[in-house]
Amino acid sequence: MRLNDWQQEVEAYLLNADATPNPALRASLLGSAALSAEQGLAIYHNAYRARLLEALRGDYTAVHGWLGDAEFDALGSAYIAAHPSRHYSLRWLGAELASFIEGHLVPAQAVPLSELARLEWAFTLAFDTPDAQPLSLAQMAELPAEDWPDLQLRYVPSVHWLPCRFNSLAIWRALKEQDEFPGSLALEQEELCLIWRDGLVSRYRSLARGEAKALQGMALEGWSFAELCAQLSEYGDHAPLQAVTWLRQWLSDGLLQRHIP
């Protein structure tokens, strides 16, 4: 058997849920008095899956904490069978877990659990995003007054956002800090959870509906500062003040960079 063919046989064996080796692969290996070829292959087969589950546990510590070892490993094994690793790095192994949960579990459990999984994956994506310099308050202070009406801003690349219908952030925080599990609860109003990276530190904040709409309008829909103030007409004469207050908070958080059309 040529080396390339043998390597493909090993790969097929590892990816197969059945730990019984192909006769051709078995015939290519020699056992010993202490360990047969079948035993050695079985150890390798089990170790490969154990490493994949370990990677999933590392990426989804809160989901793991919610489900516990046995349920998480059952979910992870089913996921790995449906979505085997296709990338040289395990970094991307768990990319489809949230979507898989939605189709694998009953809706009552799948909906809040998949939201928590998306939240955890957003933290992973935010941490891995290339660096970018956010617009600072000092830079804004130097902006000429005539430039403010047409000012446009966009998210820095590390910002990821997730509409939350459940208390996913509270669950994530409790399990991360090893506090008592708070239980899954539906929120009275949907919140927007922002996740971003500040240097080497992951940060997060939840926004109520009004602030979320304003931020998404500027960062995603292309509102200028003048349009932001116009959208806040419900605040009457206080609209510009509210717009400036929110803008100061967003810049302090390091969420935005200037966009030049």
C-alpha atoms as a PDB file:
ATOM      1  CA  MET A   1       0.000   0.000   0.000  1.00  0.00           C
ATOM      2  CA  ARG A   2       1.356   3.402  -0.972  1.00  0.00           C
ATOM      3  CA  LEU A   3       1.890   5.972   1.772  1.00  0.00           C
ATOM      4  CA  ASN A   4      -0.839   8.278   0.431  1.00  0.00           C
ATOM      5  CA  ASP A   5      -3.328   5.400   0.299  1.00  0.00           C
ATOM      6  CA  TRP A   6      -2.383   4.354   3.829  1.00  0.00           C
ATOM      7  CA  GLN A   7      -2.848   7.899   5.119  1.00  0.00           C
ATOM      8  CA  GLN A   8      -6.314   8.027   3.546  1.00  0.00           C
ATOM      9  CA  GLU A   9      -7.179   4.689   5.177  1.00  0.00           C
ATOM     10  CA  VAL A  10      -6.132   6.083   8.591  1.00  0.00           C
ATOM     11  CA  GLU A  11      -8.168   9.242   8.027  1.00  0.00           C
ATOM     12  CA  ALA A  12     -11.252   7.246   7.005  1.00  0.00           C
ATOM     13  CA  TYR A  13     -10.855   5.048  10.072  1.00  0.00           C
ATOM     14  CA  LEU A  14     -10.626   8.010  12.445  1.00  0.00           C
ATOM     15  CA  LEU A  15     -13.630   9.744  10.911  1.00  0.00           C
ATOM     16  CA  ASN A  16     -15.770   6.591  10.974  1.00  0.00           C
ATOM     17  CA  ALA A  17     -17.890   6.165  14.083  1.00  0.00           C
ATOM     18  CA  ASP A  18     -17.192   2.423  13.930  1.00  0.00           C
ATOM     19  CA  ALA A  19     -13.885   1.552  15.597  1.00  0.00           C
ATOM     20  CA  THR A  20     -13.489  -1.601  13.479  1.00  0.00           C
ATOM     21  CA  PRO A  21     -10.578  -1.048  11.051  1.00  0.00           C
ATOM     22  CA  ASN A  22     -10.687  -1.760   7.343  1.00  0.00           C
ATOM     23  CA  PRO A  23      -8.991  -5.137   6.658  1.00  0.00           C
ATOM     24  CA  ALA A  24      -6.422  -3.410   4.442  1.00  0.00           C
ATOM     25  CA  LEU A  25      -5.480  -1.008   7.230  1.00  0.00           C
ATOM     26  CA  ARG A  26      -5.359  -3.796   9.791  1.00  0.00           C
ATOM     27  CA  ALA A  27      -3.094  -5.876   7.558  1.00  0.00           C
ATOM     28  CA  SER A  28      -0.634  -2.980   7.231  1.00  0.00           C
ATOM     29  CA  LEU A  29       0.049  -2.842  10.983  1.00  0.00           C
ATOM     30  CA  LEU A  30       1.978  -5.016  13.390  1.00  0.00           C
ATOM     31  CA  GLY A  31       0.965  -5.466  17.003  1.00  0.00           C
ATOM     32  CA  SER A  32       3.085  -6.502  19.954  1.00  0.00           C
ATOM     33  CA  ALA A  33       2.826  -8.839  22.886  1.00  0.00           C
ATOM     34  CA  ALA A  34       1.666  -5.937  25.039  1.00  0.00           C
ATOM     35  CA  LEU A  35      -0.691  -4.267  22.557  1.00  0.00           C
ATOM     36  CA  SER A  36      -2.389  -5.671  19.488  1.00  0.00           C
ATOM     37  CA  ALA A  37      -2.853  -3.651  16.315  1.00  0.00           C
ATOM     38  CA  GLU A  38      -6.620  -3.541  16.947  1.00  0.00           C
ATOM     39  CA  GLN A  39      -6.099  -2.211  20.484  1.00  0.00           C
ATOM     40  CA  GLY A  40      -3.663   0.436  19.306  1.00  0.00           C
ATOM     41  CA  LEU A  41      -6.072   1.609  16.609  1.00  0.00           C
ATOM     42  CA  ALA A  42      -8.961   1.687  19.086  1.00  0.00           C
ATOM     43  CA  ILE A  43      -6.935   3.873  21.460  1.00  0.00           C
ATOM     44  CA  TYR A  44      -6.116   6.254  18.612  1.00  0.00           C
ATOM     45  CA  HIS A  45      -9.777   6.236  17.480  1.00  0.00           C
ATOM     46  CA  ASN A  46     -11.051   7.105  20.961  1.00  0.00           C
ATOM     47  CA  ALA A  47      -8.331   9.692  21.610  1.00  0.00           C
ATOM     48  CA  TYR A  48      -9.205  11.545  18.402  1.00  0.00           C
ATOM     49  CA  ARG A  49     -12.847  11.927  19.451  1.00  0.00           C
ATOM     50  CA  ALA A  50     -11.876  12.806  22.992  1.00  0.00           C
ATOM     51  CA  ARG A  51      -9.716  15.648  21.653  1.00  0.00           C
ATOM     52  CA  LEU A  52     -12.587  16.957  19.523  1.00  0.00           C
ATOM     53  CA  LEU A  53     -14.930  16.918  22.531  1.00  0.00           C
ATOM     54  CA  GLU A  54     -12.279  18.663  24.597  1.00  0.00           C
ATOM     55  CA  ALA A  55     -12.084  21.434  21.985  1.00  0.00           C
ATOM     56  CA  LEU A  56     -15.867  21.855  22.010  1.00  0.00           C
ATOM     57  CA  ARG A  57     -15.893  22.029  25.805  1.00  0.00           C
ATOM     58  CA  GLY A  58     -13.259  24.753  25.659  1.00  0.00           C
ATOM     59  CA  ASP A  59     -15.234  26.832  23.163  1.00  0.00           C
ATOM     60  CA  TYR A  60     -18.596  26.289  24.867  1.00  0.00           C
ATOM     61  CA  THR A  61     -17.902  26.305  28.596  1.00  0.00           C
ATOM     62  CA  ALA A  62     -21.309  27.783  29.441  1.00  0.00           C
ATOM     63  CA  VAL A  63     -23.229  25.296  27.280  1.00  0.00           C
ATOM     64  CA  HIS A  64     -21.171  22.543  28.912  1.00  0.00           C
ATOM     65  CA  GLY A  65     -21.902  23.958  32.361  1.00  0.00           C
ATOM     66  CA  TRP A  66     -25.623  24.063  31.623  1.00  0.00           C
ATOM     67  CA  LEU A  67     -25.857  20.507  30.263  1.00  0.00           C
ATOM     68  CA  GLY A  68     -23.257  18.749  32.410  1.00  0.00           C
ATOM     69  CA  ASP A  69     -20.661  16.240  31.233  1.00  0.00           C
ATOM     70  CA  ALA A  70     -22.890  13.425  30.014  1.00  0.00           C
ATOM     71  CA  GLU A  71     -25.443  15.510  28.094  1.00  0.00           C
ATOM     72  CA  PHE A  72     -22.785  17.758  26.594  1.00  0.00           C
ATOM     73  CA  ASP A  73     -20.693  14.812  25.423  1.00  0.00           C
ATOM     74  CA  ALA A  74     -23.781  13.203  23.861  1.00  0.00           C
ATOM     75  CA  LEU A  75     -24.584  16.473  22.081  1.00  0.00           C
ATOM     76  CA  GLY A  76     -20.946  16.953  21.068  1.00  0.00           C
ATOM     77  CA  SER A  77     -20.615  13.414  19.720  1.00  0.00           C
ATOM     78  CA  ALA A  78     -23.767  13.812  17.633  1.00  0.00           C
ATOM     79  CA  TYR A  79     -22.489  17.165  16.370  1.00  0.00           C
ATOM     80  CA  ILE A  80     -19.073  15.758  15.435  1.00  0.00           C
ATOM     81  CA  ALA A  81     -20.759  12.932  13.524  1.00  0.00           C
ATOM     82  CA  ALA A  82     -22.827  15.457  11.569  1.00  0.00           C
ATOM     83  CA  HIS A  83     -20.062  18.076  11.236  1.00  0.00           C
ATOM     84  CA  PRO A  84     -16.658  16.349  11.236  1.00  0.00           C
ATOM     85  CA  SER A  85     -13.619  18.584  11.472  1.00  0.00           C
ATOM     86  CA  ARG A  86     -12.732  19.892   7.996  1.00  0.00           C
ATOM     87  CA  HIS A  87     -10.119  22.467   8.941  1.00  0.00           C
ATOM     88  CA  TYR A  88      -6.504  21.970   9.952  1.00  0.00           C
ATOM     89  CA  SER A  89      -7.228  24.044  13.082  1.00  0.00           C
ATOM     90  CA  LEU A  90      -9.757  22.994  15.740  1.00  0.00           C
ATOM     91  CA  ARG A  91     -10.544  26.684  16.082  1.00  0.00           C
ATOM     92  CA  TRP A  92     -13.409  26.241  13.595  1.00  0.00           C
ATOM     93  CA  LEU A  93     -14.769  22.922  14.831  1.00  0.00           C
ATOM     94  CA  GLY A  94     -17.693  24.420  16.754  1.00  0.00           C
ATOM     95  CA  ALA A  95     -18.783  26.967  14.151  1.00  0.00           C
ATOM     96  CA  GLU A  96     -22.123  25.250  13.427  1.00  0.00           C
ATOM     97  CA  LEU A  97     -23.012  24.061  16.918  1.00  0.00           C
ATOM     98  CA  ALA A  98     -25.770  26.633  17.540  1.00  0.00           C
ATOM     99  CA  SER A  99     -27.538  25.734  14.290  1.00  0.00           C
ATOM    100  CA  PHE A 100     -27.100  22.037  15.028  1.00  0.00           C
ATOM    101  CA  ILE A 101     -28.703  22.450  18.459  1.00  0.00           C
ATOM    102  CA  GLU A 102     -31.774  24.013  16.849  1.00  0.00           C
ATOM    103  CA  GLY A 103     -32.389  20.908  14.754  1.00  0.00           C
ATOM    104  CA  HIS A 104     -31.204  18.295  17.237  1.00  0.00           C
ATOM    105  CA  LEU A 105     -33.019  19.127  20.474  1.00  0.00           C
ATOM    106  CA  VAL A 106     -36.677  19.758  21.246  1.00  0.00           C
ATOM    107  CA  PRO A 107     -37.599  23.440  20.721  1.00  0.00           C
ATOM    108  CA  ALA A 108     -38.181  24.208  24.406  1.00  0.00           C
ATOM    109  CA  GLN A 109     -34.546  23.366  25.144  1.00  0.00           C
ATOM    110  CA  ALA A 110     -33.052  24.194  21.745  1.00  0.00           C
ATOM    111  CA  VAL A 111     -34.107  27.852  21.528  1.00  0.00           C
ATOM    112  CA  PRO A 112     -32.454  29.197  24.716  1.00  0.00           C
ATOM    113  CA  LEU A 113     -29.491  26.792  24.464  1.00  0.00           C
ATOM    114  CA  SER A 114     -28.712  27.750  20.857  1.00  0.00           C
ATOM    115  CA  GLU A 115     -28.856  31.430  21.839  1.00  0.00           C
ATOM    116  CA  LEU A 116     -26.284  30.758  24.570  1.00  0.00           C
ATOM    117  CA  ALA A 117     -24.111  28.881  22.055  1.00  0.00           C
ATOM    118  CA  ARG A 118     -24.276  31.830  19.621  1.00  0.00           C
ATOM    119  CA  LEU A 119     -23.265  34.148  22.452  1.00  0.00           C
ATOM    120  CA  GLU A 120     -20.231  32.019  23.295  1.00  0.00           C
ATOM    121  CA  TRP A 121     -19.224  31.741  19.650  1.00  0.00           C
ATOM    122  CA  ALA A 122     -19.472  35.530  19.316  1.00  0.00           C
ATOM    123  CA  PHE A 123     -16.909  35.869  22.113  1.00  0.00           C
ATOM    124  CA  THR A 124     -14.597  33.518  20.198  1.00  0.00           C
ATOM    125  CA  LEU A 125     -14.993  35.446  16.955  1.00  0.00           C
ATOM    126  CA  ALA A 126     -14.481  38.809  18.660  1.00  0.00           C
ATOM    127  CA  PHE A 127     -11.266  37.662  20.314  1.00  0.00           C
ATOM    128  CA  ASP A 128      -9.790  36.376  17.048  1.00  0.00           C
ATOM    129  CA  THR A 129     -10.588  39.464  14.957  1.00  0.00           C
ATOM    130  CA  PRO A 130      -7.611  41.515  13.678  1.00  0.00           C
ATOM    131  CA  ASP A 131      -6.790  44.692  15.582  1.00  0.00           C
ATOM    132  CA  ALA A 132      -8.338  48.011  14.585  1.00  0.00           C
ATOM    133  CA  GLN A 133      -8.045  51.469  16.102  1.00  0.00           C
ATOM    134  CA  PRO A 134     -11.407  52.756  17.384  1.00  0.00           C
ATOM    135  CA  LEU A 135     -12.346  56.409  17.230  1.00  0.00           C
ATOM    136  CA  SER A 136     -11.566  58.050  20.572  1.00  0.00           C
ATOM    137  CA  LEU A 137     -13.277  60.803  22.525  1.00  0.00           C
ATOM    138  CA  ALA A 138     -10.149  62.931  22.116  1.00  0.00           C
ATOM    139  CA  GLN A 139     -10.356  62.619  18.338  1.00  0.00           C
ATOM    140  CA  MET A 140     -14.038  63.525  18.409  1.00  0.00           C
ATOM    141  CA  ALA A 141     -13.264  66.618  20.480  1.00  0.00           C
ATOM    142  CA  GLU A 142     -10.977  67.810  17.682  1.00  0.00           C
ATOM    143  CA  LEU A 143     -13.657  67.331  15.005  1.00  0.00           C
ATOM    144  CA  PRO A 144     -14.781  70.697  13.525  1.00  0.00           C
ATOM    145  CA  ALA A 145     -18.383  71.593  14.341  1.00  0.00           C
ATOM    146  CA  GLU A 146     -19.302  71.712  10.658  1.00  0.00           C
ATOM    147  CA  ASP A 147     -18.321  68.019  10.279  1.00  0.00           C
ATOM    148  CA  TRP A 148     -20.706  66.736  12.945  1.00  0.00           C
ATOM    149  CA  PRO A 149     -23.987  66.664  10.928  1.00  0.00           C
ATOM    150  CA  ASP A 150     -22.519  64.404   8.215  1.00  0.00           C
ATOM    151  CA  LEU A 151     -20.460  62.254  10.603  1.00  0.00           C
ATOM    152  CA  GLN A 152     -20.806  58.536   9.849  1.00  0.00           C
ATOM    153  CA  LEU A 153     -19.513  55.696  12.009  1.00  0.00           C
ATOM    154  CA  ARG A 154     -19.142  51.919  11.705  1.00  0.00           C
ATOM    155  CA  TYR A 155     -18.369  49.118  14.121  1.00  0.00           C
ATOM    156  CA  VAL A 156     -14.737  48.175  14.620  1.00  0.00           C
ATOM    157  CA  PRO A 157     -14.159  44.629  13.245  1.00  0.00           C
ATOM    158  CA  SER A 158     -14.148  42.917  16.650  1.00  0.00           C
ATOM    159  CA  VAL A 159     -17.738  43.932  17.445  1.00  0.00           C
ATOM    160  CA  HIS A 160     -20.257  41.116  17.267  1.00  0.00           C
ATOM    161  CA  TRP A 161     -23.855  41.483  18.312  1.00  0.00           C
ATOM    162  CA  LEU A 162     -26.647  39.141  19.212  1.00  0.00           C
ATOM    163  CA  PRO A 163     -30.336  39.853  19.839  1.00  0.00           C
ATOM    164  CA  CYS A 164     -31.158  38.063  23.084  1.00  0.00           C
ATOM    165  CA  ARG A 165     -34.658  36.857  23.942  1.00  0.00           C
ATOM    166  CA  PHE A 166     -33.450  34.981  27.030  1.00  0.00           C
ATOM    167  CA  ASN A 167     -31.153  35.739  29.957  1.00  0.00           C
ATOM    168  CA  SER A 168     -28.229  34.198  28.078  1.00  0.00           C
ATOM    169  CA  LEU A 169     -25.775  36.808  29.280  1.00  0.00           C
ATOM    170  CA  ALA A 170     -26.683  36.167  32.924  1.00  0.00           C
ATOM    171  CA  ILE A 171     -26.292  32.411  32.377  1.00  0.00           C
ATOM    172  CA  TRP A 172     -22.933  32.888  30.644  1.00  0.00           C
ATOM    173  CA  ARG A 173     -21.691  35.168  33.428  1.00  0.00           C
ATOM    174  CA  ALA A 174     -22.856  32.831  36.223  1.00  0.00           C
ATOM    175  CA  LEU A 175     -21.299  29.734  34.672  1.00  0.00           C
ATOM    176  CA  LYS A 176     -18.110  31.594  33.781  1.00  0.00           C
ATOM    177  CA  GLU A 177     -17.749  32.800  37.376  1.00  0.00           C
ATOM    178  CA  GLN A 178     -18.874  29.411  38.754  1.00  0.00           C
ATOM    179  CA  ASP A 179     -21.866  30.952  40.488  1.00  0.00           C
ATOM    180  CA  GLU A 180     -25.231  29.251  40.972  1.00  0.00           C
ATOM    181  CA  PHE A 181     -27.011  28.498  37.692  1.00  0.00           C
ATOM    182  CA  PRO A 182     -29.787  31.109  37.409  1.00  0.00           C
ATOM    183  CA  GLY A 183     -32.066  29.055  35.167  1.00  0.00           C
ATOM    184  CA  SER A 184     -33.198  30.027  31.702  1.00  0.00           C
ATOM    185  CA  LEU A 185     -35.751  32.832  31.569  1.00  0.00           C
ATOM    186  CA  ALA A 186     -37.374  34.668  28.685  1.00  0.00           C
ATOM    187  CA  LEU A 187     -36.787  38.425  28.818  1.00  0.00           C
ATOM    188  CA  GLU A 188     -39.727  40.797  28.923  1.00  0.00           C
ATOM    189  CA  GLN A 189     -38.086  42.768  26.119  1.00  0.00           C
ATOM    190  CA  GLU A 190     -35.451  41.628  23.668  1.00  0.00           C
ATOM    191  CA  GLU A 191     -31.979  43.026  24.353  1.00  0.00           C
ATOM    192  CA  LEU A 192     -29.050  43.558  22.042  1.00  0.00           C
ATOM    193  CA  CYS A 193     -25.862  42.038  23.428  1.00  0.00           C
ATOM    194  CA  LEU A 194     -22.607  43.503  22.124  1.00  0.00           C
ATOM    195  CA  ILE A 195     -19.337  41.609  22.356  1.00  0.00           C
ATOM    196  CA  TRP A 196     -16.004  43.126  21.396  1.00  0.00           C
ATOM    197  CA  ARG A 197     -12.296  42.989  22.203  1.00  0.00           C
ATOM    198  CA  ASP A 198     -10.358  45.719  23.975  1.00  0.00           C
ATOM    199  CA  GLY A 199      -6.684  44.815  23.589  1.00  0.00           C
ATOM    200  CA  LEU A 200      -6.523  41.248  24.874  1.00  0.00           C
ATOM    201  CA  VAL A 201      -9.683  41.538  26.977  1.00  0.00           C
ATOM    202  CA  SER A 202     -13.140  40.494  25.795  1.00  0.00           C
ATOM    203  CA  ARG A 203     -15.886  42.924  26.773  1.00  0.00           C
ATOM    204  CA  TYR A 204     -19.652  42.829  26.576  1.00  0.00           C
ATOM    205  CA  ARG A 205     -22.667  45.003  27.248  1.00  0.00           C
ATOM    206  CA  SER A 206     -26.411  44.616  26.787  1.00  0.00           C
ATOM    207  CA  LEU A 207     -28.453  47.472  25.330  1.00  0.00           C
ATOM    208  CA  ALA A 208     -32.114  48.276  25.744  1.00  0.00           C
ATOM    209  CA  ARG A 209     -34.268  48.705  22.664  1.00  0.00           C
ATOM    210  CA  GLY A 210     -33.859  52.468  22.217  1.00  0.00           C
ATOM    211  CA  GLU A 211     -30.067  52.538  22.437  1.00  0.00           C
ATOM    212  CA  ALA A 212     -29.798  49.363  20.360  1.00  0.00           C
ATOM    213  CA  LYS A 213     -31.878  50.868  17.551  1.00  0.00           C
ATOM    214  CA  ALA A 214     -29.791  54.052  17.576  1.00  0.00           C
ATOM    215  CA  LEU A 215     -26.458  52.219  17.541  1.00  0.00           C
ATOM    216  CA  GLN A 216     -27.495  49.806  14.808  1.00  0.00           C
ATOM    217  CA  GLY A 217     -28.803  52.726  12.785  1.00  0.00           C
ATOM    218  CA  MET A 218     -25.423  54.447  12.857  1.00  0.00           C
ATOM    219  CA  ALA A 219     -23.128  51.431  12.716  1.00  0.00           C
ATOM    220  CA  LEU A 220     -25.044  49.261  10.246  1.00  0.00           C
ATOM    221  CA  GLU A 221     -27.639  51.344   8.415  1.00  0.00           C
ATOM    222  CA  GLY A 222     -25.391  54.308   7.688  1.00  0.00           C
ATOM    223  CA  TRP A 223     -27.152  57.075   9.607  1.00  0.00           C
ATOM    224  CA  SER A 224     -25.216  60.296   9.905  1.00  0.00           C
ATOM    225  CA  PHE A 225     -25.175  62.120  13.232  1.00  0.00           C
ATOM    226  CA  ALA A 226     -27.872  64.480  11.913  1.00  0.00           C
ATOM    227  CA  GLU A 227     -30.033  61.490  10.949  1.00  0.00           C
ATOM    228  CA  LEU A 228     -29.488  59.978  14.391  1.00  0.00           C
ATOM    229  CA  CYS A 229     -30.816  63.137  16.019  1.00  0.00           C
ATOM    230  CA  ALA A 230     -33.798  63.138  13.632  1.00  0.00           C
ATOM    231  CA  GLN A 231     -34.579  59.502  14.513  1.00  0.00           C
ATOM    232  CA  LEU A 232     -34.690  60.478  18.189  1.00  0.00           C
ATOM    233  CA  SER A 233     -37.564  62.913  17.642  1.00  0.00           C
ATOM    234  CA  GLU A 234     -39.479  61.318  20.540  1.00  0.00           C
ATOM    235  CA  TYR A 235     -36.978  63.035  22.846  1.00  0.00           C
ATOM    236  CA  GLY A 236     -38.037  66.437  21.482  1.00  0.00           C
ATOM    237  CA  ASP A 237     -35.530  69.207  22.156  1.00  0.00           C
ATOM    238  CA  HIS A 238     -33.413  66.726  24.118  1.00  0.00           C
ATOM    239  CA  ALA A 239     -32.708  64.580  21.035  1.00  0.00           C
ATOM    240  CA  PRO A 240     -29.235  66.051  20.362  1.00  0.00           C
ATOM    241  CA  LEU A 241     -28.281  65.626  24.036  1.00  0.00           C
ATOM    242  CA  GLN A 242     -29.427  61.997  24.027  1.00  0.00           C
ATOM    243  CA  ALA A 243     -27.532  61.372  20.792  1.00  0.00           C
ATOM    244  CA  VAL A 244     -24.344  62.883  22.224  1.00  0.00           C
ATOM    245  CA  THR A 245     -24.758  60.927  25.483  1.00  0.00           C
ATOM    246  CA  TRP A 246     -25.029  57.615  23.651  1.00  0.00           C
ATOM    247  CA  LEU A 247     -22.248  58.521  21.247  1.00  0.00           C
ATOM    248  CA  ARG A 248     -19.937  59.315  24.162  1.00  0.00           C
ATOM    249  CA  GLN A 249     -20.709  55.918  25.684  1.00  0.00           C
ATOM    250  CA  TRP A 250     -20.078  54.065  22.405  1.00  0.00           C
ATOM    251  CA  LEU A 251     -16.758  55.827  21.930  1.00  0.00           C
ATOM    252  CA  SER A 252     -15.740  55.173  25.528  1.00  0.00           C
ATOM    253  CA  ASP A 253     -16.463  51.491  24.930  1.00  0.00           C
ATOM    254  CA  GLY A 254     -14.273  51.534  21.812  1.00  0.00           C
ATOM    255  CA  LEU A 255     -17.012  50.245  19.504  1.00  0.00           C
ATOM    256  CA  LEU A 256     -16.768  52.575  16.539  1.00  0.00           C
ATOM    257  CA  GLN A 257     -14.486  53.930  13.865  1.00  0.00           C
ATOM    258  CA  ARG A 258     -15.093  56.778  11.468  1.00  0.00           C
ATOM    259  CA  HIS A 259     -16.507  55.995   8.057  1.00  0.00           C
ATOM    260  CA  ILE A 260     -15.578  58.214   5.111  1.00  0.00           C
ATOM    261  CA  PRO A 261     -18.042  57.594   2.230  1.00  0.00           C
END
